[in-house]
Amino acid sequence: MNGDELGQLRTEIDSLDEELIKILALRFIATSKVGIIKAAKSLEAVDPSREAIQAQRYSVLAAQYGVSIELIQKVFRTVIDEVVANHQAIRESTLK
């Protein structure tokens, strides 16, 4: 592998990282809308049954794409924790 090839791969990685961030931003826009609906309906920020279904789905997708299941579970746990915190903040702001 020469320096040019390494540079090209790093450029590709940088582009993929940007796409991941864009997709996360879109996901948080959608989950904020869910948070608003939950707050309006006085629903809890956490939905354990939905989380369990999604965790299973993430494991299947990770296996399908050859990505570590443990890594994917950690990533999505972090994302879900942030979503729940956002939902709680939305709910608290509507109570004021």
C-alpha atoms as a PDB file:
ATOM      1  CA  MET A   1       0.000   0.000   0.000  1.00  0.00           C
ATOM      2  CA  ASN A   2       1.488   3.298  -1.008  1.00  0.00           C
ATOM      3  CA  GLY A   3       0.886   6.728   0.486  1.00  0.00           C
ATOM      4  CA  ASP A   4      -1.552   7.704  -2.274  1.00  0.00           C
ATOM      5  CA  GLU A   5      -3.716   4.649  -1.630  1.00  0.00           C
ATOM      6  CA  LEU A   6      -3.630   5.342   2.118  1.00  0.00           C
ATOM      7  CA  GLY A   7      -4.691   8.923   1.492  1.00  0.00           C
ATOM      8  CA  GLN A   8      -7.570   7.789  -0.712  1.00  0.00           C
ATOM      9  CA  LEU A   9      -8.769   5.343   1.926  1.00  0.00           C
ATOM     10  CA  ARG A  10      -8.596   8.023   4.607  1.00  0.00           C
ATOM     11  CA  THR A  11     -10.605  10.362   2.391  1.00  0.00           C
ATOM     12  CA  GLU A  12     -13.207   7.612   1.958  1.00  0.00           C
ATOM     13  CA  ILE A  13     -13.314   7.064   5.728  1.00  0.00           C
ATOM     14  CA  ASP A  14     -13.733  10.799   6.324  1.00  0.00           C
ATOM     15  CA  SER A  15     -16.634  10.859   3.877  1.00  0.00           C
ATOM     16  CA  LEU A  16     -18.269   7.867   5.562  1.00  0.00           C
ATOM     17  CA  ASP A  17     -17.826   9.507   8.972  1.00  0.00           C
ATOM     18  CA  GLU A  18     -19.597  12.597   7.677  1.00  0.00           C
ATOM     19  CA  GLU A  19     -22.449  10.448   6.354  1.00  0.00           C
ATOM     20  CA  LEU A  20     -22.784   8.748   9.748  1.00  0.00           C
ATOM     21  CA  ILE A  21     -23.040  12.142  11.429  1.00  0.00           C
ATOM     22  CA  LYS A  22     -25.631  13.355   8.911  1.00  0.00           C
ATOM     23  CA  ILE A  23     -27.699  10.210   9.445  1.00  0.00           C
ATOM     24  CA  LEU A  24     -27.488  10.617  13.226  1.00  0.00           C
ATOM     25  CA  ALA A  25     -28.664  14.219  12.862  1.00  0.00           C
ATOM     26  CA  LEU A  26     -31.654  13.059  10.801  1.00  0.00           C
ATOM     27  CA  ARG A  27     -32.378  10.347  13.356  1.00  0.00           C
ATOM     28  CA  PHE A  28     -32.375  12.887  16.184  1.00  0.00           C
ATOM     29  CA  ILE A  29     -34.755  15.134  14.241  1.00  0.00           C
ATOM     30  CA  ALA A  30     -37.165  12.200  13.909  1.00  0.00           C
ATOM     31  CA  THR A  31     -36.800  11.139  17.537  1.00  0.00           C
ATOM     32  CA  SER A  32     -37.401  14.712  18.696  1.00  0.00           C
ATOM     33  CA  LYS A  33     -40.742  14.571  16.899  1.00  0.00           C
ATOM     34  CA  VAL A  34     -41.473  11.325  18.754  1.00  0.00           C
ATOM     35  CA  GLY A  35     -40.554  13.091  22.005  1.00  0.00           C
ATOM     36  CA  ILE A  36     -43.026  15.873  21.272  1.00  0.00           C
ATOM     37  CA  ILE A  37     -45.799  13.338  20.620  1.00  0.00           C
ATOM     38  CA  LYS A  38     -44.914  11.404  23.782  1.00  0.00           C
ATOM     39  CA  ALA A  39     -44.985  14.609  25.835  1.00  0.00           C
ATOM     40  CA  ALA A  40     -48.341  15.640  24.366  1.00  0.00           C
ATOM     41  CA  LYS A  41     -49.794  12.220  25.203  1.00  0.00           C
ATOM     42  CA  SER A  42     -48.102  12.047  28.634  1.00  0.00           C
ATOM     43  CA  LEU A  43     -46.204   8.916  27.622  1.00  0.00           C
ATOM     44  CA  GLU A  44     -42.978   7.833  29.305  1.00  0.00           C
ATOM     45  CA  ALA A  45     -39.674   8.708  27.631  1.00  0.00           C
ATOM     46  CA  VAL A  46     -38.540   5.089  27.924  1.00  0.00           C
ATOM     47  CA  ASP A  47     -40.294   2.273  26.081  1.00  0.00           C
ATOM     48  CA  PRO A  48     -38.642  -0.962  27.269  1.00  0.00           C
ATOM     49  CA  SER A  49     -40.557  -3.219  24.869  1.00  0.00           C
ATOM     50  CA  ARG A  50     -39.557  -1.075  21.870  1.00  0.00           C
ATOM     51  CA  GLU A  51     -35.952  -1.030  23.079  1.00  0.00           C
ATOM     52  CA  ALA A  52     -35.905  -4.831  23.393  1.00  0.00           C
ATOM     53  CA  ILE A  53     -37.316  -5.286  19.892  1.00  0.00           C
ATOM     54  CA  GLN A  54     -34.810  -2.825  18.472  1.00  0.00           C
ATOM     55  CA  ALA A  55     -31.872  -4.441  20.310  1.00  0.00           C
ATOM     56  CA  GLN A  56     -32.760  -7.758  18.673  1.00  0.00           C
ATOM     57  CA  ARG A  57     -33.095  -6.053  15.302  1.00  0.00           C
ATOM     58  CA  TYR A  58     -29.704  -4.372  15.726  1.00  0.00           C
ATOM     59  CA  SER A  59     -28.102  -7.747  16.486  1.00  0.00           C
ATOM     60  CA  VAL A  60     -29.586  -9.268  13.338  1.00  0.00           C
ATOM     61  CA  LEU A  61     -28.432  -6.344  11.217  1.00  0.00           C
ATOM     62  CA  ALA A  62     -24.951  -6.409  12.739  1.00  0.00           C
ATOM     63  CA  ALA A  63     -24.620 -10.105  11.945  1.00  0.00           C
ATOM     64  CA  GLN A  64     -26.002  -9.549   8.449  1.00  0.00           C
ATOM     65  CA  TYR A  65     -23.398  -6.880   7.710  1.00  0.00           C
ATOM     66  CA  GLY A  66     -20.498  -8.554   9.503  1.00  0.00           C
ATOM     67  CA  VAL A  67     -20.183  -5.944  12.241  1.00  0.00           C
ATOM     68  CA  SER A  68     -19.533  -6.776  15.873  1.00  0.00           C
ATOM     69  CA  ILE A  69     -22.881  -7.218  17.645  1.00  0.00           C
ATOM     70  CA  GLU A  70     -21.331  -5.930  20.868  1.00  0.00           C
ATOM     71  CA  LEU A  71     -20.124  -2.770  19.123  1.00  0.00           C
ATOM     72  CA  ILE A  72     -23.517  -2.115  17.555  1.00  0.00           C
ATOM     73  CA  GLN A  73     -25.295  -2.658  20.872  1.00  0.00           C
ATOM     74  CA  LYS A  74     -22.933  -0.178  22.568  1.00  0.00           C
ATOM     75  CA  VAL A  75     -23.400   2.408  19.826  1.00  0.00           C
ATOM     76  CA  PHE A  76     -27.167   2.161  19.884  1.00  0.00           C
ATOM     77  CA  ARG A  77     -27.289   2.117  23.681  1.00  0.00           C
ATOM     78  CA  THR A  78     -25.475   5.456  23.606  1.00  0.00           C
ATOM     79  CA  VAL A  79     -27.831   6.815  20.937  1.00  0.00           C
ATOM     80  CA  ILE A  80     -30.932   5.596  22.776  1.00  0.00           C
ATOM     81  CA  ASP A  81     -29.725   7.046  26.076  1.00  0.00           C
ATOM     82  CA  GLU A  82     -29.345  10.419  24.355  1.00  0.00           C
ATOM     83  CA  VAL A  83     -32.814  10.103  22.799  1.00  0.00           C
ATOM     84  CA  VAL A  84     -34.349   9.313  26.199  1.00  0.00           C
ATOM     85  CA  ALA A  85     -32.598  12.324  27.741  1.00  0.00           C
ATOM     86  CA  ASN A  86     -33.948  14.492  24.919  1.00  0.00           C
ATOM     87  CA  HIS A  87     -37.461  13.090  25.404  1.00  0.00           C
ATOM     88  CA  GLN A  88     -37.262  13.840  29.122  1.00  0.00           C
ATOM     89  CA  ALA A  89     -36.119  17.398  28.391  1.00  0.00           C
ATOM     90  CA  ILE A  90     -38.975  17.887  25.928  1.00  0.00           C
ATOM     91  CA  ARG A  91     -41.468  16.591  28.475  1.00  0.00           C
ATOM     92  CA  GLU A  92     -40.077  18.849  31.215  1.00  0.00           C
ATOM     93  CA  SER A  93     -40.210  21.888  28.938  1.00  0.00           C
ATOM     94  CA  THR A  94     -43.876  21.229  28.142  1.00  0.00           C
ATOM     95  CA  LEU A  95     -44.732  21.009  31.842  1.00  0.00           C
ATOM     96  CA  LYS A  96     -43.479  24.542  32.502  1.00  0.00           C
END
